[in-house]
N, C-alpha and C. Protein backbone atom coordinates (compact mmCIF):
# COMPACT_ATOMS: atom_id res chain seq x y z
N MET A 1 -47.96 -83.56 166.21
CA MET A 1 -47.18 -84.79 166.20
C MET A 1 -46.56 -85.08 167.58
N SER A 2 -46.56 -86.32 167.93
CA SER A 2 -46.00 -86.72 169.22
C SER A 2 -44.51 -86.74 169.19
N ASP A 3 -43.90 -86.66 170.32
CA ASP A 3 -42.49 -86.65 170.47
C ASP A 3 -42.06 -88.08 170.91
N PRO A 4 -41.13 -88.74 170.20
CA PRO A 4 -40.71 -90.08 170.58
C PRO A 4 -40.16 -90.16 171.99
N VAL A 5 -39.46 -89.13 172.46
CA VAL A 5 -38.92 -89.16 173.82
C VAL A 5 -40.02 -89.14 174.84
N LYS A 6 -41.04 -88.29 174.59
CA LYS A 6 -42.18 -88.22 175.51
C LYS A 6 -42.92 -89.60 175.54
N LEU A 7 -43.07 -90.17 174.39
CA LEU A 7 -43.72 -91.51 174.31
C LEU A 7 -42.91 -92.54 175.08
N TYR A 8 -41.58 -92.46 174.93
CA TYR A 8 -40.73 -93.37 175.66
C TYR A 8 -40.94 -93.19 177.18
N ASP A 9 -40.98 -91.94 177.64
CA ASP A 9 -41.14 -91.65 179.06
C ASP A 9 -42.51 -92.17 179.57
N GLU A 10 -43.55 -91.97 178.72
CA GLU A 10 -44.86 -92.48 179.11
C GLU A 10 -44.87 -94.02 179.19
N ALA A 11 -44.16 -94.65 178.22
CA ALA A 11 -44.09 -96.12 178.21
C ALA A 11 -43.31 -96.62 179.44
N ASP A 12 -42.30 -95.90 179.88
CA ASP A 12 -41.55 -96.30 181.06
C ASP A 12 -42.47 -96.28 182.28
N LYS A 13 -43.26 -95.27 182.43
CA LYS A 13 -44.16 -95.21 183.53
C LYS A 13 -45.23 -96.31 183.51
N LEU A 14 -45.71 -96.59 182.30
CA LEU A 14 -46.70 -97.68 182.16
C LEU A 14 -46.06 -99.00 182.51
N LYS A 15 -44.80 -99.21 182.08
CA LYS A 15 -44.11 -100.47 182.39
C LYS A 15 -43.95 -100.58 183.91
N ASP A 16 -43.54 -99.53 184.57
CA ASP A 16 -43.40 -99.56 186.04
C ASP A 16 -44.72 -99.81 186.75
N ALA A 17 -45.81 -99.40 186.13
CA ALA A 17 -47.14 -99.65 186.68
C ALA A 17 -47.67 -101.03 186.33
N GLY A 18 -46.89 -101.82 185.61
CA GLY A 18 -47.32 -103.14 185.26
C GLY A 18 -48.26 -103.20 184.03
N LYS A 19 -48.39 -102.11 183.32
CA LYS A 19 -49.28 -102.02 182.14
C LYS A 19 -48.41 -102.28 180.94
N LEU A 20 -48.05 -103.52 180.76
CA LEU A 20 -47.07 -103.91 179.71
C LEU A 20 -47.57 -103.74 178.29
N GLU A 21 -48.79 -104.11 178.09
CA GLU A 21 -49.37 -104.00 176.74
C GLU A 21 -49.47 -102.54 176.30
N GLU A 22 -49.84 -101.68 177.27
CA GLU A 22 -49.90 -100.21 176.97
C GLU A 22 -48.50 -99.65 176.72
N ALA A 23 -47.53 -100.15 177.55
CA ALA A 23 -46.17 -99.68 177.37
C ALA A 23 -45.65 -100.07 175.99
N ALA A 24 -45.94 -101.30 175.55
CA ALA A 24 -45.48 -101.73 174.23
C ALA A 24 -46.10 -100.90 173.14
N ALA A 25 -47.37 -100.54 173.31
CA ALA A 25 -48.03 -99.71 172.33
C ALA A 25 -47.38 -98.34 172.19
N LYS A 26 -47.01 -97.76 173.31
CA LYS A 26 -46.36 -96.41 173.34
C LYS A 26 -45.00 -96.50 172.66
N LEU A 27 -44.23 -97.59 172.99
CA LEU A 27 -42.93 -97.73 172.42
C LEU A 27 -43.02 -97.97 170.90
N ASN A 28 -43.99 -98.75 170.46
CA ASN A 28 -44.19 -98.95 169.02
C ASN A 28 -44.57 -97.61 168.35
N GLU A 29 -45.32 -96.79 169.03
CA GLU A 29 -45.66 -95.51 168.48
C GLU A 29 -44.41 -94.63 168.38
N ALA A 30 -43.56 -94.67 169.38
CA ALA A 30 -42.31 -93.95 169.32
C ALA A 30 -41.43 -94.40 168.18
N LEU A 31 -41.40 -95.69 167.95
CA LEU A 31 -40.57 -96.22 166.86
C LEU A 31 -41.20 -95.95 165.49
N THR A 32 -42.48 -95.77 165.39
CA THR A 32 -43.07 -95.37 164.20
C THR A 32 -42.58 -93.98 163.80
N LEU A 33 -42.48 -93.09 164.81
CA LEU A 33 -42.01 -91.74 164.59
C LEU A 33 -40.50 -91.66 164.36
N ASP A 34 -39.74 -92.56 165.03
CA ASP A 34 -38.30 -92.54 164.90
C ASP A 34 -37.80 -94.01 164.91
N PRO A 35 -37.76 -94.68 163.78
CA PRO A 35 -37.34 -96.08 163.74
C PRO A 35 -35.89 -96.29 164.19
N GLY A 36 -35.08 -95.25 164.30
CA GLY A 36 -33.72 -95.36 164.72
C GLY A 36 -33.50 -95.07 166.17
N TYR A 37 -34.59 -95.02 166.96
CA TYR A 37 -34.49 -94.68 168.39
C TYR A 37 -34.10 -95.94 169.14
N SER A 38 -32.75 -96.12 169.34
CA SER A 38 -32.27 -97.38 169.89
C SER A 38 -32.75 -97.65 171.29
N LEU A 39 -32.91 -96.61 172.09
CA LEU A 39 -33.35 -96.77 173.45
C LEU A 39 -34.76 -97.31 173.52
N ALA A 40 -35.60 -96.90 172.56
CA ALA A 40 -36.95 -97.42 172.51
C ALA A 40 -36.97 -98.95 172.05
N HIS A 41 -36.05 -99.26 171.16
CA HIS A 41 -35.91 -100.67 170.77
C HIS A 41 -35.53 -101.53 171.99
N SER A 42 -34.56 -101.04 172.75
CA SER A 42 -34.12 -101.79 173.93
C SER A 42 -35.22 -101.93 174.98
N ALA A 43 -35.96 -100.84 175.18
CA ALA A 43 -37.05 -100.89 176.11
C ALA A 43 -38.19 -101.81 175.66
N LEU A 44 -38.47 -101.80 174.36
CA LEU A 44 -39.51 -102.65 173.83
C LEU A 44 -39.06 -104.13 173.96
N ALA A 45 -37.80 -104.37 173.80
CA ALA A 45 -37.33 -105.76 174.02
C ALA A 45 -37.61 -106.23 175.40
N VAL A 46 -37.38 -105.38 176.39
CA VAL A 46 -37.65 -105.76 177.81
C VAL A 46 -39.12 -106.02 177.99
N VAL A 47 -39.97 -105.15 177.49
CA VAL A 47 -41.41 -105.21 177.67
C VAL A 47 -41.93 -106.48 177.00
N LEU A 48 -41.52 -106.72 175.76
CA LEU A 48 -41.98 -107.92 175.04
C LEU A 48 -41.53 -109.22 175.71
N GLN A 49 -40.28 -109.15 176.30
CA GLN A 49 -39.81 -110.33 176.99
C GLN A 49 -40.70 -110.63 178.15
N LYS A 50 -41.13 -109.58 178.88
CA LYS A 50 -42.00 -109.80 180.05
C LYS A 50 -43.39 -110.30 179.61
N LEU A 51 -43.74 -110.04 178.38
CA LEU A 51 -45.02 -110.50 177.85
C LEU A 51 -44.89 -111.89 177.25
N GLY A 52 -43.68 -112.44 177.27
CA GLY A 52 -43.46 -113.83 176.70
C GLY A 52 -43.34 -113.83 175.23
N GLN A 53 -43.14 -112.67 174.62
CA GLN A 53 -43.01 -112.56 173.16
C GLN A 53 -41.53 -112.57 172.81
N HIS A 54 -40.89 -113.72 172.96
CA HIS A 54 -39.46 -113.84 172.89
C HIS A 54 -38.84 -113.44 171.55
N GLU A 55 -39.39 -113.95 170.47
CA GLU A 55 -38.84 -113.66 169.14
C GLU A 55 -38.91 -112.17 168.81
N GLU A 56 -40.04 -111.55 169.15
CA GLU A 56 -40.18 -110.12 168.93
C GLU A 56 -39.21 -109.30 169.76
N ALA A 57 -39.04 -109.76 171.02
CA ALA A 57 -38.10 -109.10 171.88
C ALA A 57 -36.69 -109.16 171.36
N ILE A 58 -36.30 -110.36 170.80
CA ILE A 58 -35.00 -110.54 170.26
C ILE A 58 -34.80 -109.62 169.06
N GLN A 59 -35.80 -109.49 168.22
CA GLN A 59 -35.72 -108.59 167.07
C GLN A 59 -35.41 -107.18 167.46
N HIS A 60 -36.05 -106.72 168.50
CA HIS A 60 -35.77 -105.33 168.94
C HIS A 60 -34.45 -105.15 169.63
N ALA A 61 -34.02 -106.17 170.38
CA ALA A 61 -32.71 -106.15 171.01
C ALA A 61 -31.60 -106.18 169.94
N ARG A 62 -31.83 -106.98 168.90
CA ARG A 62 -30.86 -107.00 167.79
C ARG A 62 -30.78 -105.67 167.08
N ARG A 63 -31.96 -105.07 166.90
CA ARG A 63 -31.99 -103.76 166.22
C ARG A 63 -31.22 -102.70 167.00
N ALA A 64 -31.39 -102.74 168.33
CA ALA A 64 -30.65 -101.80 169.17
C ALA A 64 -29.13 -102.02 168.95
N CYS A 65 -28.71 -103.23 168.84
CA CYS A 65 -27.24 -103.51 168.57
C CYS A 65 -26.81 -103.02 167.17
N GLU A 66 -27.72 -103.15 166.24
CA GLU A 66 -27.40 -102.64 164.87
C GLU A 66 -27.21 -101.14 164.90
N LEU A 67 -28.06 -100.46 165.68
CA LEU A 67 -28.03 -99.00 165.75
C LEU A 67 -26.85 -98.54 166.60
N GLU A 68 -26.45 -99.34 167.59
CA GLU A 68 -25.41 -98.93 168.55
C GLU A 68 -24.30 -100.00 168.49
N GLN A 69 -23.67 -100.11 167.31
CA GLN A 69 -22.71 -101.16 167.10
C GLN A 69 -21.48 -101.16 167.99
N ASN A 70 -21.20 -100.06 168.59
CA ASN A 70 -19.99 -99.94 169.46
C ASN A 70 -20.36 -99.83 170.92
N ASP A 71 -21.60 -100.16 171.26
CA ASP A 71 -22.06 -100.01 172.67
C ASP A 71 -22.11 -101.38 173.31
N PRO A 72 -21.16 -101.63 174.28
CA PRO A 72 -21.17 -102.90 174.91
C PRO A 72 -22.48 -103.23 175.65
N PHE A 73 -23.08 -102.22 176.22
CA PHE A 73 -24.34 -102.44 176.96
C PHE A 73 -25.40 -103.04 176.07
N SER A 74 -25.52 -102.60 174.83
CA SER A 74 -26.54 -103.13 173.91
C SER A 74 -26.34 -104.63 173.73
N PHE A 75 -25.11 -105.04 173.59
CA PHE A 75 -24.85 -106.46 173.39
C PHE A 75 -25.08 -107.28 174.68
N THR A 76 -24.78 -106.68 175.86
CA THR A 76 -25.12 -107.26 177.12
C THR A 76 -26.60 -107.47 177.26
N ALA A 77 -27.32 -106.44 176.86
CA ALA A 77 -28.84 -106.54 176.92
C ALA A 77 -29.33 -107.57 175.98
N LEU A 78 -28.71 -107.70 174.82
CA LEU A 78 -29.12 -108.75 173.88
C LEU A 78 -28.80 -110.11 174.46
N SER A 79 -27.73 -110.29 175.12
CA SER A 79 -27.42 -111.53 175.78
C SER A 79 -28.48 -111.88 176.83
N VAL A 80 -28.84 -110.92 177.60
CA VAL A 80 -29.92 -111.14 178.62
C VAL A 80 -31.26 -111.50 177.95
N THR A 81 -31.53 -110.89 176.84
CA THR A 81 -32.78 -111.17 176.09
C THR A 81 -32.76 -112.60 175.65
N TYR A 82 -31.62 -113.07 175.12
CA TYR A 82 -31.49 -114.48 174.73
C TYR A 82 -31.62 -115.42 175.94
N GLN A 83 -31.01 -115.06 177.07
CA GLN A 83 -31.11 -115.86 178.27
C GLN A 83 -32.53 -116.02 178.72
N ARG A 84 -33.31 -114.94 178.69
CA ARG A 84 -34.66 -114.98 179.10
C ARG A 84 -35.50 -115.77 178.09
N ALA A 85 -35.15 -115.70 176.84
CA ALA A 85 -35.84 -116.50 175.83
C ALA A 85 -35.62 -117.98 176.08
N PHE A 86 -34.36 -118.29 176.50
CA PHE A 86 -34.07 -119.69 176.86
C PHE A 86 -34.92 -120.12 178.05
N ALA A 87 -34.98 -119.28 179.05
CA ALA A 87 -35.75 -119.61 180.26
C ALA A 87 -37.24 -119.83 179.96
N GLY A 88 -37.74 -119.07 178.96
CA GLY A 88 -39.11 -119.25 178.61
C GLY A 88 -39.42 -120.36 177.64
N THR A 89 -38.39 -120.84 176.92
CA THR A 89 -38.61 -121.87 175.87
C THR A 89 -37.76 -123.15 176.07
N GLN A 90 -36.73 -123.06 176.84
CA GLN A 90 -35.73 -124.16 176.96
C GLN A 90 -35.06 -124.53 175.66
N ASN A 91 -35.02 -123.63 174.68
CA ASN A 91 -34.38 -123.84 173.40
C ASN A 91 -32.89 -123.52 173.56
N MET A 92 -32.05 -124.49 173.50
CA MET A 92 -30.61 -124.38 173.75
C MET A 92 -29.89 -123.41 172.76
N GLN A 93 -30.51 -123.23 171.58
CA GLN A 93 -29.96 -122.27 170.63
C GLN A 93 -29.81 -120.89 171.24
N TYR A 94 -30.69 -120.52 172.13
CA TYR A 94 -30.64 -119.22 172.75
C TYR A 94 -29.45 -119.07 173.67
N ILE A 95 -29.00 -120.12 174.28
CA ILE A 95 -27.81 -120.10 175.15
C ILE A 95 -26.59 -119.75 174.31
N ARG A 96 -26.45 -120.40 173.21
CA ARG A 96 -25.27 -120.14 172.33
C ARG A 96 -25.31 -118.69 171.84
N MET A 97 -26.47 -118.24 171.49
CA MET A 97 -26.60 -116.84 171.02
C MET A 97 -26.31 -115.84 172.15
N ALA A 98 -26.71 -116.17 173.35
CA ALA A 98 -26.45 -115.34 174.52
C ALA A 98 -24.92 -115.24 174.74
N GLU A 99 -24.23 -116.38 174.63
CA GLU A 99 -22.82 -116.38 174.81
C GLU A 99 -22.09 -115.56 173.70
N ASP A 100 -22.57 -115.64 172.50
CA ASP A 100 -21.99 -114.86 171.39
C ASP A 100 -22.16 -113.34 171.63
N ALA A 101 -23.36 -112.97 172.05
CA ALA A 101 -23.64 -111.56 172.33
C ALA A 101 -22.80 -111.03 173.49
N MET A 102 -22.61 -111.87 174.51
CA MET A 102 -21.80 -111.42 175.65
C MET A 102 -20.33 -111.31 175.23
N GLU A 103 -19.87 -112.19 174.35
CA GLU A 103 -18.51 -112.13 173.88
C GLU A 103 -18.30 -110.81 173.09
N GLN A 104 -19.29 -110.46 172.28
CA GLN A 104 -19.20 -109.19 171.54
C GLN A 104 -19.14 -108.03 172.52
N SER A 105 -19.91 -108.06 173.55
CA SER A 105 -19.87 -107.00 174.58
C SER A 105 -18.44 -106.91 175.20
N ARG A 106 -17.84 -108.04 175.53
CA ARG A 106 -16.50 -108.07 176.09
C ARG A 106 -15.50 -107.47 175.11
N ILE A 107 -15.61 -107.83 173.86
CA ILE A 107 -14.68 -107.31 172.84
C ILE A 107 -14.82 -105.79 172.79
N LEU A 108 -16.01 -105.30 172.76
CA LEU A 108 -16.24 -103.84 172.71
C LEU A 108 -15.74 -103.14 173.97
N GLN A 109 -15.88 -103.79 175.11
CA GLN A 109 -15.45 -103.19 176.36
C GLN A 109 -13.93 -103.10 176.39
N SER A 110 -13.24 -104.03 175.81
CA SER A 110 -11.76 -104.05 175.83
C SER A 110 -11.22 -102.95 174.90
N ARG A 111 -12.02 -102.48 174.00
CA ARG A 111 -11.55 -101.39 173.07
C ARG A 111 -11.61 -100.01 173.72
N HIS A 112 -12.39 -99.91 174.81
CA HIS A 112 -12.53 -98.61 175.47
C HIS A 112 -11.54 -98.35 176.55
């Protein structure tokens, strides 16, 4: 059986090499083994965003926030994912969602 952390590390190297489809496959494999691996969800959101798969990227960024409900960085990353989705689609709905996610990040930061 493969190790999700090893798969994540392999995916990171593939992403850095510009092999985005392969990186996404490795991250999906890691998530098959450990669906609660929030770092893999976050990384997959970044890779999918680069591939122009905005809705799928948002789903993974949201899942990372669900798994890490008290982590301001996860909500900041979700905001960035929404911003990039707006840049790719010009759908104003994403701007509002980005602002909401950033506000949640600020709230969480103020608690620490």
